[in-house]
Amino acid sequence: MLVPVSTPFWTRVKALIKSHKISQKDFSAYIGININTLRFWICYGFYPPANLAYTIATSLGVSVEYLLTGEDGKSMKQREKDALKRKNAAAEIKKMVKKIELNAGLIG
């Protein structure tokens, strides 16, 4: 017997549908699936196929990453920039620590 499972994916989808002030029935028709299929997936926590997850996300004005994780997606380029900033910040901290240690006579 299948037991209902709440997933963050569907919790976010339901909240977004509600915030758009549309019904699940209207939303399911808009994305091209039967309302019973949508309700079944929501109730039992089944994820839709990837192409439909994308349709759901874009229809609601969010990314699939947001529906899955709750975090706004960043582009790969932005992630690379963020990683470089962290790397540069870490290098600067190491330099400052070394300078402090040299000034304090802790290293030779």
Protein backbone atom coordinates (compact mmCIF):
# COMPACT_ATOMS: atom_id res chain seq x y z
CA MET A 1 0.00 0.00 0.00
CA LEU A 2 1.31 3.45 -0.86
CA VAL A 3 1.62 5.86 2.03
CA PRO A 4 1.36 9.63 1.44
CA VAL A 5 4.71 11.36 1.64
CA SER A 6 5.26 15.09 1.84
CA THR A 7 8.21 16.31 -0.21
CA PRO A 8 9.66 19.81 -0.24
CA PHE A 9 9.33 19.80 -4.05
CA TRP A 10 5.55 19.49 -3.91
CA THR A 11 5.24 21.73 -0.86
CA ARG A 12 6.92 24.48 -2.86
CA VAL A 13 4.82 23.74 -5.97
CA LYS A 14 1.58 23.90 -3.96
CA ALA A 15 2.62 27.18 -2.32
CA LEU A 16 3.50 28.70 -5.70
CA ILE A 17 0.22 27.55 -7.26
CA LYS A 18 -1.61 29.13 -4.33
CA SER A 19 0.40 32.36 -4.59
CA HIS A 20 -0.55 32.59 -8.28
CA LYS A 21 -4.19 32.26 -7.17
CA ILE A 22 -4.97 29.35 -9.46
CA SER A 23 -6.37 25.94 -8.70
CA GLN A 24 -4.44 22.70 -8.99
CA LYS A 25 -6.99 21.65 -11.61
CA ASP A 26 -6.33 24.73 -13.75
CA PHE A 27 -2.59 24.37 -13.27
CA SER A 28 -2.61 20.71 -14.29
CA ALA A 29 -4.58 21.59 -17.44
CA TYR A 30 -2.11 24.39 -18.19
CA ILE A 31 0.91 22.08 -17.99
CA GLY A 32 -0.90 19.32 -19.87
CA ILE A 33 -1.44 16.59 -17.30
CA ASN A 34 -4.54 15.10 -15.74
CA ILE A 35 -5.51 16.56 -12.35
CA ASN A 36 -5.60 13.04 -10.88
CA THR A 37 -1.99 12.49 -11.95
CA LEU A 38 -0.92 15.76 -10.32
CA ARG A 39 -2.78 14.95 -7.12
CA PHE A 40 -1.33 11.43 -7.03
CA TRP A 41 2.22 12.74 -7.44
CA ILE A 42 1.65 15.36 -4.74
CA CYS A 43 0.04 12.90 -2.34
CA TYR A 44 2.66 10.17 -2.69
CA GLY A 45 5.70 12.37 -3.29
CA PHE A 46 6.48 11.13 -6.78
CA TYR A 47 8.70 13.40 -8.83
CA PRO A 48 7.57 14.19 -12.36
CA PRO A 49 9.75 13.36 -15.37
CA ALA A 50 12.54 15.91 -15.88
CA ASN A 51 10.89 17.61 -18.85
CA LEU A 52 7.67 18.05 -16.88
CA ALA A 53 9.56 19.28 -13.79
CA TYR A 54 11.04 21.94 -16.06
CA THR A 55 7.58 22.84 -17.39
CA ILE A 56 6.22 23.07 -13.84
CA ALA A 57 9.10 25.27 -12.71
CA THR A 58 9.02 27.65 -15.66
CA SER A 59 5.22 27.88 -15.50
CA LEU A 60 5.55 29.00 -11.90
CA GLY A 61 8.43 31.39 -12.64
CA VAL A 62 11.12 29.49 -10.74
CA SER A 63 13.93 27.06 -11.50
CA VAL A 64 13.80 23.30 -11.05
CA GLU A 65 16.70 23.76 -8.62
CA TYR A 66 14.47 25.98 -6.49
CA LEU A 67 11.69 23.39 -6.45
CA LEU A 68 14.16 20.67 -5.44
CA THR A 69 16.34 22.57 -2.96
CA GLY A 70 14.56 25.78 -2.07
CA GLU A 71 17.55 27.78 -3.27
CA ASP A 72 17.60 30.06 -6.25
CA GLY A 73 19.78 28.68 -8.98
CA LYS A 74 22.93 30.46 -9.92
CA SER A 75 24.55 30.19 -13.28
CA MET A 76 27.74 28.18 -13.56
CA LYS A 77 29.58 31.41 -14.33
CA GLN A 78 28.31 33.00 -11.09
CA ARG A 79 29.31 29.89 -9.11
CA GLU A 80 32.81 30.08 -10.61
CA LYS A 81 33.05 33.77 -9.65
CA ASP A 82 31.89 33.00 -6.11
CA ALA A 83 34.44 30.18 -5.81
CA LEU A 84 37.22 32.47 -7.05
CA LYS A 85 36.22 35.13 -4.50
CA ARG A 86 36.37 32.55 -1.70
CA LYS A 87 39.76 31.31 -2.93
CA ASN A 88 41.12 34.87 -3.11
CA ALA A 89 39.72 35.71 0.32
CA ALA A 90 41.35 32.61 1.80
CA ALA A 91 44.69 33.54 0.21
CA GLU A 92 44.43 37.07 1.64
CA ILE A 93 43.66 35.70 5.11
CA LYS A 94 46.71 33.41 4.90
CA LYS A 95 48.90 36.38 3.93
CA MET A 96 47.58 38.47 6.84
CA VAL A 97 48.14 35.62 9.32
CA LYS A 98 51.69 35.12 8.06
CA LYS A 99 52.37 38.87 8.33
CA ILE A 100 51.02 38.94 11.89
CA GLU A 101 53.14 35.92 12.80
CA LEU A 102 56.25 37.54 11.28
CA ASN A 103 55.61 40.80 13.13
CA ALA A 104 55.04 38.93 16.37
CA GLY A 105 58.27 36.99 15.87
CA LEU A 106 56.44 33.66 15.86
CA ILE A 107 58.09 32.49 12.64
CA GLY A 108 61.54 33.08 11.32
